[in-house]
C-alpha atoms as a PDB file:
ATOM      1  CA  MET A   1      12.315  14.445 -21.175  1.00  0.00           C
ATOM      2  CA  SER A   2      12.156  13.086 -17.547  1.00  0.00           C
ATOM      3  CA  MET A   3       8.983  12.083 -15.822  1.00  0.00           C
ATOM      4  CA  ALA A   4      10.235  12.696 -12.255  1.00  0.00           C
ATOM      5  CA  PRO A   5       8.627  15.264 -10.592  1.00  0.00           C
ATOM      6  CA  HIS A   6       9.482  18.805 -11.156  1.00  0.00           C
ATOM      7  CA  HIS A   7       9.205  20.435  -7.654  1.00  0.00           C
ATOM      8  CA  PHE A   8       9.728  24.270  -7.493  1.00  0.00           C
ATOM      9  CA  ARG A   9       9.767  26.840  -3.694  1.00  0.00           C
ATOM     10  CA  LYS A  10       8.242  30.021  -3.987  1.00  0.00           C
ATOM     11  CA  THR A  11      10.207  32.781  -2.720  1.00  0.00           C
ATOM     12  CA  ALA A  12      10.029  36.585  -2.797  1.00  0.00           C
ATOM     13  CA  ALA A  13      11.631  36.585  -5.836  1.00  0.00           C
ATOM     14  CA  GLY A  14       9.967  33.879  -7.496  1.00  0.00           C
ATOM     15  CA  PHE A  15      10.073  30.145  -8.491  1.00  0.00           C
ATOM     16  CA  ILE A  16      12.448  28.245  -8.073  1.00  0.00           C
ATOM     17  CA  PRO A  17      13.736  24.943  -8.675  1.00  0.00           C
ATOM     18  CA  VAL A  18      14.677  22.165  -5.706  1.00  0.00           C
ATOM     19  CA  SER A  19      14.225  18.906  -7.279  1.00  0.00           C
ATOM     20  CA  GLN A  20      16.829  17.477  -9.932  1.00  0.00           C
ATOM     21  CA  ALA A  21      13.779  17.694 -12.581  1.00  0.00           C
ATOM     22  CA  ALA A  22      13.161  21.471 -11.997  1.00  0.00           C
ATOM     23  CA  ARG A  23      16.342  22.110 -12.144  1.00  0.00           C
ATOM     24  CA  GLU A  24      17.078  20.839 -15.222  1.00  0.00           C
ATOM     25  CA  PHE A  25      14.108  21.783 -17.082  1.00  0.00           C
ATOM     26  CA  HIS A  26      14.934  25.812 -15.425  1.00  0.00           C
ATOM     27  CA  ALA A  27      17.681  25.470 -16.708  1.00  0.00           C
ATOM     28  CA  LYS A  28      16.845  24.190 -21.122  1.00  0.00           C
ATOM     29  CA  THR A  29      14.111  27.339 -20.215  1.00  0.00           C
ATOM     30  CA  LYS A  30      15.547  30.713 -21.784  1.00  0.00           C
ATOM     31  CA  LEU A  31      14.996  33.738 -20.224  1.00  0.00           C
ATOM     32  CA  GLY A  32      11.769  35.727 -20.888  1.00  0.00           C
ATOM     33  CA  GLN A  33       9.925  32.337 -21.821  1.00  0.00           C
ATOM     34  CA  THR A  34       6.917  31.653 -21.233  1.00  0.00           C
ATOM     35  CA  VAL A  35       5.864  28.470 -19.971  1.00  0.00           C
ATOM     36  CA  ASP A  36       3.122  25.784 -18.756  1.00  0.00           C
ATOM     37  CA  MET A  37       2.655  24.839 -15.237  1.00  0.00           C
ATOM     38  CA  ARG A  38       0.025  23.391 -14.005  1.00  0.00           C
ATOM     39  CA  GLY A  39       0.755  23.581 -10.051  1.00  0.00           C
ATOM     40  CA  ARG A  40       0.096  20.592  -7.525  1.00  0.00           C
ATOM     41  CA  ARG A  41       1.263  20.372  -4.098  1.00  0.00           C
ATOM     42  CA  PRO A  42       3.384  17.622  -3.147  1.00  0.00           C
ATOM     43  CA  ARG A  43       1.337  15.401  -1.155  1.00  0.00           C
ATOM     44  CA  ASN A  44       2.407  15.889   3.506  1.00  0.00           C
ATOM     45  CA  PRO A  45       3.837  12.213   4.241  1.00  0.00           C
ATOM     46  CA  ALA A  46       2.789  12.495   7.809  1.00  0.00           C
ATOM     47  CA  HIS A  47      -0.546  13.570   6.854  1.00  0.00           C
ATOM     48  CA  HIS A  48      -1.128  10.864   4.665  1.00  0.00           C
ATOM     49  CA  ARG A  49       0.298   8.770   7.894  1.00  0.00           C
ATOM     50  CA  LYS A  50      -2.119  10.332  10.058  1.00  0.00           C
ATOM     51  CA  LEU A  51      -4.847   9.693   7.537  1.00  0.00           C
ATOM     52  CA  PHE A  52      -2.724   5.270   7.987  1.00  0.00           C
ATOM     53  CA  ALA A  53      -3.607   6.159  11.559  1.00  0.00           C
ATOM     54  CA  LEU A  54      -6.978   6.660  11.337  1.00  0.00           C
ATOM     55  CA  LEU A  55      -7.618   3.858   9.845  1.00  0.00           C
ATOM     56  CA  GLY A  56      -6.218   2.024  12.113  1.00  0.00           C
ATOM     57  CA  LEU A  57      -7.884   3.273  15.027  1.00  0.00           C
ATOM     58  CA  LEU A  58     -11.031   1.777  12.749  1.00  0.00           C
ATOM     59  CA  ALA A  59      -9.986  -0.945  12.501  1.00  0.00           C
ATOM     60  CA  ASP A  60      -8.917  -1.959  15.836  1.00  0.00           C
ATOM     61  CA  ASN A  61     -12.568  -0.517  17.217  1.00  0.00           C
ATOM     62  CA  ARG A  62     -14.778  -1.864  14.378  1.00  0.00           C
ATOM     63  CA  GLU A  63     -15.186  -5.655  13.870  1.00  0.00           C
ATOM     64  CA  GLU A  64     -16.052  -5.801  10.113  1.00  0.00           C
ATOM     65  CA  PHE A  65     -13.050  -4.258   8.927  1.00  0.00           C
ATOM     66  CA  ALA A  66     -10.543  -7.129   9.364  1.00  0.00           C
ATOM     67  CA  SER A  67      -7.557  -4.437   8.020  1.00  0.00           C
ATOM     68  CA  THR A  68      -6.920  -0.734   7.648  1.00  0.00           C
ATOM     69  CA  ASP A  69      -7.188  -1.642   3.933  1.00  0.00           C
ATOM     70  CA  ASP A  70     -11.024  -3.225   4.772  1.00  0.00           C
ATOM     71  CA  ALA A  71     -11.224   1.173   6.071  1.00  0.00           C
ATOM     72  CA  LEU A  72      -9.953   2.420   3.767  1.00  0.00           C
ATOM     73  CA  LEU A  73     -12.602   0.671   1.579  1.00  0.00           C
ATOM     74  CA  GLY A  74     -15.284   1.108   3.885  1.00  0.00           C
ATOM     75  CA  LEU A  75     -14.199   4.498   3.232  1.00  0.00           C
ATOM     76  CA  LYS A  76     -14.112   5.149   0.120  1.00  0.00           C
ATOM     77  CA  ALA A  77     -17.763   3.224  -0.146  1.00  0.00           C
ATOM     78  CA  VAL A  78     -20.149   5.904   2.217  1.00  0.00           C
ATOM     79  CA  LEU A  79     -17.999   8.886   0.905  1.00  0.00           C
ATOM     80  CA  GLY A  80     -18.210   7.854  -2.948  1.00  0.00           C
ATOM     81  CA  TYR A  81     -15.512   8.081  -4.284  1.00  0.00           C
ATOM     82  CA  GLY A  82     -15.154   6.149  -6.560  1.00  0.00           C
ATOM     83  CA  ASP A  83     -17.341   5.018  -9.644  1.00  0.00           C
ATOM     84  CA  TRP A  84     -19.775   2.266 -10.052  1.00  0.00           C
ATOM     85  CA  LYS A  85     -19.224   0.316 -12.864  1.00  0.00           C
ATOM     86  CA  LYS A  86     -19.951  -2.704 -14.892  1.00  0.00           C
ATOM     87  CA  LEU A  87     -17.141  -4.823 -15.157  1.00  0.00           C
ATOM     88  CA  HIS A  88     -19.323  -6.902 -18.182  1.00  0.00           C
ATOM     89  CA  PRO A  89     -21.096  -5.381 -21.112  1.00  0.00           C
ATOM     90  CA  LYS A  90     -24.425  -8.273 -19.675  1.00  0.00           C
ATOM     91  CA  ALA A  91     -23.521  -8.491 -15.883  1.00  0.00           C
ATOM     92  CA  GLU A  92     -26.965  -7.506 -14.261  1.00  0.00           C
ATOM     93  CA  ARG A  93     -25.115  -5.390 -11.183  1.00  0.00           C
ATOM     94  CA  GLU A  94     -22.966  -2.095 -11.379  1.00  0.00           C
ATOM     95  CA  VAL A  95     -20.033  -2.808  -8.388  1.00  0.00           C
ATOM     96  CA  PHE A  96     -18.138  -0.064  -7.074  1.00  0.00           C
ATOM     97  CA  VAL A  97     -14.706   0.265  -8.055  1.00  0.00           C
ATOM     98  CA  PRO A  98     -12.489   2.861  -6.104  1.00  0.00           C
ATOM     99  CA  SER A  99     -11.030   5.790  -6.832  1.00  0.00           C
ATOM    100  CA  SER A 100      -6.962   6.026  -5.239  1.00  0.00           C
ATOM    101  CA  ILE A 101      -5.403   8.497  -2.987  1.00  0.00           C
ATOM    102  CA  ALA A 102      -1.444   7.145  -4.074  1.00  0.00           C
ATOM    103  CA  PHE A 103       0.148  10.353  -3.885  1.00  0.00           C
ATOM    104  CA  GLU A 104       1.153  10.439  -8.169  1.00  0.00           C
ATOM    105  CA  ASN A 105      -2.919  10.353  -8.347  1.00  0.00           C
ATOM    106  CA  MET A 106      -3.975  13.515  -5.543  1.00  0.00           C
ATOM    107  CA  GLY A 107      -1.829  16.616  -4.037  1.00  0.00           C
ATOM    108  CA  GLN A 108      -1.868  17.998  -1.338  1.00  0.00           C
ATOM    109  CA  ASP A 109      -5.644  20.145  -1.412  1.00  0.00           C
ATOM    110  CA  GLU A 110      -7.362  17.017  -2.678  1.00  0.00           C
ATOM    111  CA  PHE A 111      -6.637  14.812   0.190  1.00  0.00           C
ATOM    112  CA  GLU A 112      -6.801  17.906   2.924  1.00  0.00           C
ATOM    113  CA  ALA A 113     -10.343  18.199   1.234  1.00  0.00           C
ATOM    114  CA  PHE A 114     -10.552  13.935   1.159  1.00  0.00           C
ATOM    115  CA  TYR A 115      -9.789  13.911   5.076  1.00  0.00           C
ATOM    116  CA  GLU A 116     -11.870  15.926   6.255  1.00  0.00           C
ATOM    117  CA  LEU A 117     -14.122  14.537   5.234  1.00  0.00           C
ATOM    118  CA  ALA A 118     -12.983  11.614   6.346  1.00  0.00           C
ATOM    119  CA  ILE A 119     -12.952  11.841  10.044  1.00  0.00           C
ATOM    120  CA  ALA A 120     -16.409  13.178   9.240  1.00  0.00           C
ATOM    121  CA  ALA A 121     -16.985  10.018   8.055  1.00  0.00           C
ATOM    122  CA  VAL A 122     -15.718   8.107  10.629  1.00  0.00           C
ATOM    123  CA  GLN A 123     -18.288   9.830  13.253  1.00  0.00           C
ATOM    124  CA  ARG A 124     -20.880   9.883  11.442  1.00  0.00           C
ATOM    125  CA  TRP A 125     -20.826   5.880  10.590  1.00  0.00           C
ATOM    126  CA  TRP A 126     -18.715   4.097  13.497  1.00  0.00           C
ATOM    127  CA  LEU A 127     -17.078   5.759  15.727  1.00  0.00           C
ATOM    128  CA  PRO A 128     -19.310   8.690  17.266  1.00  0.00           C
ATOM    129  CA  VAL A 129     -16.386  10.978  19.272  1.00  0.00           C
ATOM    130  CA  SER A 130     -15.417  14.314  19.409  1.00  0.00           C
ATOM    131  CA  ASN A 131     -13.940  16.160  17.068  1.00  0.00           C
ATOM    132  CA  ASP A 132     -10.821  16.873  19.983  1.00  0.00           C
ATOM    133  CA  ASP A 133     -11.320  13.375  20.484  1.00  0.00           C
ATOM    134  CA  LEU A 134     -11.086  11.864  17.208  1.00  0.00           C
ATOM    135  CA  ARG A 135      -7.933  13.959  16.340  1.00  0.00           C
ATOM    136  CA  GLU A 136      -6.439  13.242  19.185  1.00  0.00           C
ATOM    137  CA  ALA A 137      -6.677   9.454  19.544  1.00  0.00           C
ATOM    138  CA  ILE A 138      -5.023   9.725  14.996  1.00  0.00           C
ATOM    139  CA  GLU A 139      -1.979  12.079  16.553  1.00  0.00           C
ATOM    140  CA  GLU A 140      -1.610   9.082  19.065  1.00  0.00           C
ATOM    141  CA  PHE A 141      -1.789   6.111  17.218  1.00  0.00           C
ATOM    142  CA  ALA A 142       0.473   8.427  14.019  1.00  0.00           C
ATOM    143  CA  ALA A 143       2.643   8.498  16.358  1.00  0.00           C
END
């Protein structure tokens, strides 16, 4: 079975396959057959670029962040988006292991929630500007 994404589009008549893997799956499914489908909207690349524009603004305006990677790590830590783990059974301290926001690990709905929390955290902890000013700067930076 193909591991490629099965993308479907919702229409008035129901869901229709749009990716090659979805078309193949659809063709192999008998009329009237019940299938198990777990819906997840694929990530919007433009929305992803906005997050990295936000991280770029953070890296450019705060000296504690040398790069967007540093800013992302700091943001995940502030949001608690990860787990605290002992890396060795004899370790005295736990370390923060951030969770992934990669396209295959996070759908659009979860990403939207993460993005809104990210905006709020950046305003609270690092760039205390108005919501409108920050979103305008993100749009300019992402362009």
